[in-house]
């Protein structure tokens, strides 16, 4: 399932629900079909995501430079940092804008749990 994030300042961004779920949970948000991140929550949410990335990246097993050079670019693993960065950027840029700024998200249904589990 896709989750679309819509910023009043930066436009739209789409993620798969299995990627969006841990990011929203790290920000303290429920993974409902629709939600909002208000102006007052954005910087705190960005900081929470950055902490989550730091903690999560420490446990990631990424290939070293030699191994990575052998892997075609499109087949290289995408880590938590790369997945979270666009949302962190959206949060920071939207927070720096007008007082009325907001970020909404929407999905086809609630996605609090992984349907594959």
N, C-alpha and C. Protein backbone atom coordinates (compact mmCIF):
# COMPACT_ATOMS: atom_id res chain seq x y z
N UNK A 1 0.85 -1.17 0.00
CA UNK A 1 0.00 0.00 0.00
C UNK A 1 0.90 1.24 0.00
N UNK A 2 0.44 2.27 -0.69
CA UNK A 2 1.17 3.52 -0.77
C UNK A 2 0.67 4.51 0.28
N UNK A 3 1.60 5.32 0.79
CA UNK A 3 1.27 6.40 1.71
C UNK A 3 1.78 7.68 1.05
N UNK A 4 0.88 8.64 0.87
CA UNK A 4 1.24 9.90 0.25
C UNK A 4 1.35 10.97 1.33
N UNK A 5 2.49 11.65 1.37
CA UNK A 5 2.71 12.78 2.26
C UNK A 5 2.56 14.04 1.43
N UNK A 6 1.77 14.98 1.93
CA UNK A 6 1.47 16.21 1.20
C UNK A 6 1.83 17.39 2.10
N UNK A 7 2.81 18.16 1.65
CA UNK A 7 3.23 19.35 2.39
C UNK A 7 2.62 20.57 1.74
N UNK A 8 2.18 21.50 2.56
CA UNK A 8 1.64 22.75 2.04
C UNK A 8 2.74 23.59 1.41
N UNK A 9 4.00 23.23 1.64
CA UNK A 9 5.13 24.04 1.17
C UNK A 9 6.02 23.35 0.15
N UNK A 10 6.15 22.01 0.24
CA UNK A 10 7.14 21.34 -0.61
C UNK A 10 6.54 20.38 -1.62
N UNK A 11 5.25 20.16 -1.60
CA UNK A 11 4.63 19.24 -2.55
C UNK A 11 4.37 17.87 -1.96
N UNK A 12 4.37 16.86 -2.83
CA UNK A 12 4.00 15.50 -2.42
C UNK A 12 5.19 14.55 -2.47
N UNK A 13 5.08 13.49 -1.66
CA UNK A 13 6.07 12.42 -1.64
C UNK A 13 5.30 11.14 -1.35
N UNK A 14 5.68 10.05 -1.99
CA UNK A 14 5.00 8.78 -1.82
C UNK A 14 5.99 7.74 -1.31
N UNK A 15 5.53 6.92 -0.35
CA UNK A 15 6.32 5.82 0.21
C UNK A 15 5.45 4.59 0.32
N UNK A 16 6.07 3.46 0.35
CA UNK A 16 5.35 2.23 0.67
C UNK A 16 5.01 2.26 2.16
N UNK A 17 3.91 1.64 2.54
CA UNK A 17 3.47 1.64 3.94
C UNK A 17 4.50 0.99 4.86
N UNK A 18 5.19 -0.06 4.40
CA UNK A 18 6.18 -0.71 5.26
C UNK A 18 7.38 0.18 5.53
N UNK A 19 7.63 1.18 4.69
CA UNK A 19 8.69 2.16 4.94
C UNK A 19 8.16 3.29 5.81
N UNK A 20 6.95 3.77 5.52
CA UNK A 20 6.36 4.89 6.26
C UNK A 20 6.03 4.52 7.70
N UNK A 21 5.62 3.28 7.93
CA UNK A 21 5.18 2.84 9.28
C UNK A 21 6.24 3.14 10.35
N UNK A 22 7.48 2.64 10.25
CA UNK A 22 8.43 2.91 11.33
C UNK A 22 8.82 4.38 11.43
N UNK A 23 8.75 5.11 10.33
CA UNK A 23 9.08 6.53 10.38
C UNK A 23 8.01 7.31 11.14
N UNK A 24 6.74 7.04 10.83
CA UNK A 24 5.66 7.70 11.56
C UNK A 24 5.67 7.29 13.03
N UNK A 25 5.90 6.02 13.30
CA UNK A 25 5.94 5.55 14.69
C UNK A 25 7.08 6.23 15.45
N UNK A 26 8.22 6.44 14.80
CA UNK A 26 9.34 7.13 15.45
C UNK A 26 8.98 8.57 15.80
N UNK A 27 8.06 9.16 15.02
CA UNK A 27 7.61 10.53 15.30
C UNK A 27 6.48 10.56 16.32
N UNK A 28 6.04 9.38 16.77
CA UNK A 28 4.95 9.32 17.74
C UNK A 28 3.58 9.43 17.11
N UNK A 29 3.47 9.12 15.83
CA UNK A 29 2.20 9.21 15.11
C UNK A 29 1.61 7.82 14.89
N UNK A 30 0.29 7.75 14.89
CA UNK A 30 -0.40 6.50 14.59
C UNK A 30 -0.47 6.33 13.08
N UNK A 31 -0.40 5.13 12.62
CA UNK A 31 -0.41 4.84 11.18
C UNK A 31 -1.84 4.64 10.70
N UNK A 32 -2.57 5.72 10.70
CA UNK A 32 -3.96 5.72 10.26
C UNK A 32 -4.03 6.07 8.77
N UNK A 33 -5.18 5.88 8.17
CA UNK A 33 -5.35 6.17 6.75
C UNK A 33 -5.12 7.65 6.45
N UNK A 34 -5.39 8.51 7.41
CA UNK A 34 -5.15 9.95 7.24
C UNK A 34 -4.61 10.52 8.54
N UNK A 35 -3.71 11.48 8.39
CA UNK A 35 -3.16 12.13 9.57
C UNK A 35 -2.53 13.46 9.20
N UNK A 36 -2.11 14.17 10.22
CA UNK A 36 -1.52 15.49 10.02
C UNK A 36 -0.34 15.68 10.97
N UNK A 37 0.64 16.41 10.49
CA UNK A 37 1.75 16.86 11.34
C UNK A 37 1.66 18.38 11.31
N UNK A 38 1.41 18.96 12.46
CA UNK A 38 1.20 20.41 12.52
C UNK A 38 2.53 21.15 12.57
N UNK A 39 2.46 22.44 12.35
CA UNK A 39 3.65 23.30 12.38
C UNK A 39 4.43 23.12 13.67
N UNK A 40 3.73 23.08 14.80
CA UNK A 40 4.40 22.94 16.10
C UNK A 40 5.05 21.59 16.33
N UNK A 41 4.65 20.57 15.59
CA UNK A 41 5.20 19.22 15.75
C UNK A 41 6.37 18.92 14.82
N UNK A 42 6.54 19.71 13.78
CA UNK A 42 7.46 19.35 12.71
C UNK A 42 8.92 19.24 13.13
N UNK A 43 9.45 20.23 13.83
CA UNK A 43 10.86 20.17 14.21
C UNK A 43 11.12 19.05 15.21
N UNK A 44 10.21 18.85 16.14
CA UNK A 44 10.36 17.73 17.08
C UNK A 44 10.29 16.39 16.35
N UNK A 45 9.41 16.31 15.36
CA UNK A 45 9.29 15.08 14.58
C UNK A 45 10.57 14.83 13.78
N UNK A 46 11.14 15.88 13.20
CA UNK A 46 12.39 15.73 12.44
C UNK A 46 13.52 15.26 13.37
N UNK A 47 13.59 15.82 14.56
CA UNK A 47 14.62 15.40 15.52
C UNK A 47 14.42 13.95 15.94
N UNK A 48 13.17 13.57 16.17
CA UNK A 48 12.88 12.18 16.55
C UNK A 48 13.28 11.23 15.43
N UNK A 49 13.02 11.61 14.19
CA UNK A 49 13.41 10.77 13.05
C UNK A 49 14.93 10.66 12.94
N UNK A 50 15.63 11.77 13.15
CA UNK A 50 17.09 11.73 13.10
C UNK A 50 17.66 10.81 14.17
N UNK A 51 17.09 10.85 15.37
CA UNK A 51 17.55 9.93 16.43
C UNK A 51 17.26 8.49 16.04
N UNK A 52 16.08 8.25 15.49
CA UNK A 52 15.69 6.91 15.05
C UNK A 52 16.67 6.39 13.99
N UNK A 53 17.04 7.26 13.07
CA UNK A 53 17.98 6.87 12.01
C UNK A 53 19.35 6.54 12.60
N UNK A 54 19.81 7.37 13.53
CA UNK A 54 21.11 7.11 14.16
C UNK A 54 21.11 5.77 14.87
N UNK A 55 20.05 5.48 15.61
CA UNK A 55 19.97 4.21 16.34
C UNK A 55 19.82 3.04 15.38
N UNK A 56 18.98 3.20 14.36
CA UNK A 56 18.74 2.12 13.41
C UNK A 56 19.91 1.86 12.49
N UNK A 57 20.61 2.91 12.10
CA UNK A 57 21.75 2.76 11.20
C UNK A 57 22.90 2.03 11.87
N UNK A 58 22.98 2.14 13.18
CA UNK A 58 24.07 1.48 13.89
C UNK A 58 24.00 -0.03 13.73
N UNK A 59 22.79 -0.57 13.60
CA UNK A 59 22.62 -2.02 13.49
C UNK A 59 22.55 -2.53 12.05
N UNK A 60 22.55 -1.62 11.07
CA UNK A 60 22.44 -2.05 9.68
C UNK A 60 23.73 -2.69 9.19
N UNK A 61 23.59 -3.76 8.47
CA UNK A 61 24.72 -4.46 7.88
C UNK A 61 24.83 -4.04 6.41
N UNK A 62 25.56 -2.96 6.16
CA UNK A 62 25.75 -2.49 4.80
C UNK A 62 27.08 -3.02 4.27
N UNK A 63 27.18 -3.24 2.96
CA UNK A 63 28.44 -3.74 2.41
C UNK A 63 29.55 -2.70 2.53
N UNK A 64 30.80 -3.20 2.64
CA UNK A 64 31.92 -2.25 2.67
C UNK A 64 32.16 -1.75 1.25
N UNK A 65 33.12 -0.84 1.07
CA UNK A 65 33.33 -0.20 -0.23
C UNK A 65 33.66 -1.19 -1.34
N UNK A 66 34.49 -2.18 -1.03
CA UNK A 66 34.86 -3.18 -2.04
C UNK A 66 33.65 -4.00 -2.46
N UNK A 67 32.89 -4.45 -1.48
CA UNK A 67 31.69 -5.24 -1.78
C UNK A 67 30.68 -4.41 -2.56
N UNK A 68 30.52 -3.15 -2.15
CA UNK A 68 29.54 -2.28 -2.80
C UNK A 68 29.92 -2.02 -4.26
N UNK A 69 31.22 -1.90 -4.54
CA UNK A 69 31.67 -1.66 -5.91
C UNK A 69 31.30 -2.81 -6.83
N UNK A 70 31.17 -4.01 -6.28
CA UNK A 70 30.83 -5.19 -7.07
C UNK A 70 29.32 -5.30 -7.33
N UNK A 71 28.52 -4.55 -6.58
CA UNK A 71 27.06 -4.61 -6.71
C UNK A 71 26.61 -3.53 -7.68
N UNK A 72 25.82 -3.88 -8.69
CA UNK A 72 25.30 -2.85 -9.61
C UNK A 72 24.53 -1.79 -8.81
N UNK A 73 24.62 -0.52 -9.20
CA UNK A 73 23.98 0.56 -8.43
C UNK A 73 22.50 0.32 -8.12
N UNK A 74 21.74 -0.20 -9.05
CA UNK A 74 20.31 -0.40 -8.81
C UNK A 74 20.02 -1.57 -7.88
N UNK A 75 21.02 -2.41 -7.62
CA UNK A 75 20.83 -3.56 -6.74
C UNK A 75 21.35 -3.31 -5.33
N UNK A 76 21.94 -2.16 -5.09
CA UNK A 76 22.49 -1.85 -3.76
C UNK A 76 21.37 -1.65 -2.75
N UNK A 77 21.59 -2.10 -1.52
CA UNK A 77 20.55 -1.94 -0.50
C UNK A 77 20.33 -0.46 -0.15
N UNK A 78 19.09 -0.14 0.16
CA UNK A 78 18.74 1.22 0.59
C UNK A 78 18.53 1.16 2.09
N UNK A 79 19.31 1.95 2.81
CA UNK A 79 19.25 1.94 4.27
C UNK A 79 18.20 2.89 4.83
N UNK A 80 18.04 2.80 6.13
CA UNK A 80 17.08 3.64 6.84
C UNK A 80 17.36 5.12 6.62
N UNK A 81 18.62 5.50 6.62
CA UNK A 81 18.98 6.90 6.44
C UNK A 81 18.48 7.44 5.10
N UNK A 82 18.68 6.67 4.03
CA UNK A 82 18.22 7.11 2.72
C UNK A 82 16.71 7.16 2.64
N UNK A 83 16.03 6.27 3.34
CA UNK A 83 14.57 6.25 3.29
C UNK A 83 13.96 7.40 4.12
N UNK A 84 14.60 7.77 5.21
CA UNK A 84 14.06 8.80 6.10
C UNK A 84 14.40 10.21 5.64
N UNK A 85 15.52 10.38 4.94
CA UNK A 85 15.98 11.71 4.60
C UNK A 85 14.93 12.57 3.89
N UNK A 86 14.21 12.07 2.86
CA UNK A 86 13.22 12.94 2.20
C UNK A 86 12.13 13.46 3.15
N UNK A 87 11.71 12.62 4.09
CA UNK A 87 10.69 13.05 5.05
C UNK A 87 11.27 14.05 6.04
N UNK A 88 12.50 13.83 6.50
CA UNK A 88 13.15 14.80 7.40
C UNK A 88 13.28 16.14 6.69
N UNK A 89 13.70 16.11 5.43
CA UNK A 89 13.83 17.33 4.65
C UNK A 89 12.49 18.04 4.51
N UNK A 90 11.44 17.28 4.22
CA UNK A 90 10.10 17.85 4.09
C UNK A 90 9.67 18.50 5.41
N UNK A 91 9.91 17.82 6.52
CA UNK A 91 9.55 18.36 7.83
C UNK A 91 10.28 19.67 8.11
N UNK A 92 11.57 19.71 7.87
CA UNK A 92 12.37 20.92 8.16
C UNK A 92 11.98 22.08 7.24
N UNK A 93 11.82 21.81 5.97
CA UNK A 93 11.47 22.88 5.02
C UNK A 93 10.06 23.42 5.29
N UNK A 94 9.14 22.56 5.62
CA UNK A 94 7.77 23.00 5.88
C UNK A 94 7.71 23.75 7.21
N UNK A 95 8.48 23.31 8.20
CA UNK A 95 8.52 23.99 9.49
C UNK A 95 9.06 25.41 9.36
N UNK A 96 9.96 25.63 8.41
CA UNK A 96 10.58 26.95 8.24
C UNK A 96 9.67 27.92 7.47
N UNK A 97 8.55 27.44 7.00
CA UNK A 97 7.66 28.27 6.18
C UNK A 97 6.62 28.97 7.06
N UNK A 98 5.50 29.24 6.48
CA UNK A 98 4.42 29.99 7.14
C UNK A 98 3.89 29.29 8.40
N UNK A 99 3.26 30.07 9.27
CA UNK A 99 2.66 29.51 10.49
C UNK A 99 1.59 28.48 10.20
N UNK A 100 0.89 28.65 9.10
CA UNK A 100 -0.22 27.76 8.77
C UNK A 100 0.25 26.48 8.08
N UNK A 101 1.54 26.29 7.93
CA UNK A 101 2.07 25.12 7.22
C UNK A 101 1.68 23.83 7.91
N UNK A 102 1.53 22.79 7.08
CA UNK A 102 1.18 21.48 7.64
C UNK A 102 1.61 20.39 6.67
N UNK A 103 1.71 19.20 7.18
CA UNK A 103 1.96 18.02 6.36
C UNK A 103 0.84 17.03 6.65
N UNK A 104 0.21 16.56 5.60
CA UNK A 104 -0.85 15.56 5.73
C UNK A 104 -0.31 14.27 5.14
N UNK A 105 -0.86 13.15 5.60
CA UNK A 105 -0.60 11.91 4.90
C UNK A 105 -1.91 11.19 4.70
N UNK A 106 -1.92 10.38 3.64
CA UNK A 106 -3.12 9.59 3.36
C UNK A 106 -2.71 8.27 2.72
N UNK A 107 -3.49 7.27 3.05
CA UNK A 107 -3.30 5.92 2.52
C UNK A 107 -4.68 5.33 2.28
N UNK A 108 -4.72 4.19 1.62
CA UNK A 108 -6.01 3.55 1.32
C UNK A 108 -6.71 3.04 2.57
N UNK A 109 -5.92 2.73 3.61
CA UNK A 109 -6.47 2.18 4.87
C UNK A 109 -5.45 2.39 5.98
N UNK A 110 -5.85 2.11 7.21
CA UNK A 110 -4.90 2.14 8.32
C UNK A 110 -3.79 1.14 8.03
N UNK A 111 -2.57 1.44 8.48
CA UNK A 111 -1.45 0.54 8.22
C UNK A 111 -0.56 0.37 9.46
N UNK A 112 -1.21 0.34 10.63
CA UNK A 112 -0.48 0.21 11.89
C UNK A 112 0.23 -1.13 12.03
N UNK A 113 -0.28 -2.14 11.39
CA UNK A 113 0.36 -3.46 11.47
C UNK A 113 0.73 -3.92 10.06
N UNK A 114 1.73 -4.73 10.00
CA UNK A 114 2.19 -5.28 8.72
C UNK A 114 1.24 -6.41 8.33
N UNK A 115 0.56 -6.32 7.19
CA UNK A 115 -0.39 -7.37 6.80
C UNK A 115 0.29 -8.70 6.53
N UNK A 116 1.60 -8.70 6.31
CA UNK A 116 2.33 -9.95 6.05
C UNK A 116 2.63 -10.70 7.35
N UNK A 117 2.49 -10.00 8.49
CA UNK A 117 2.84 -10.62 9.78
C UNK A 117 1.74 -11.54 10.26
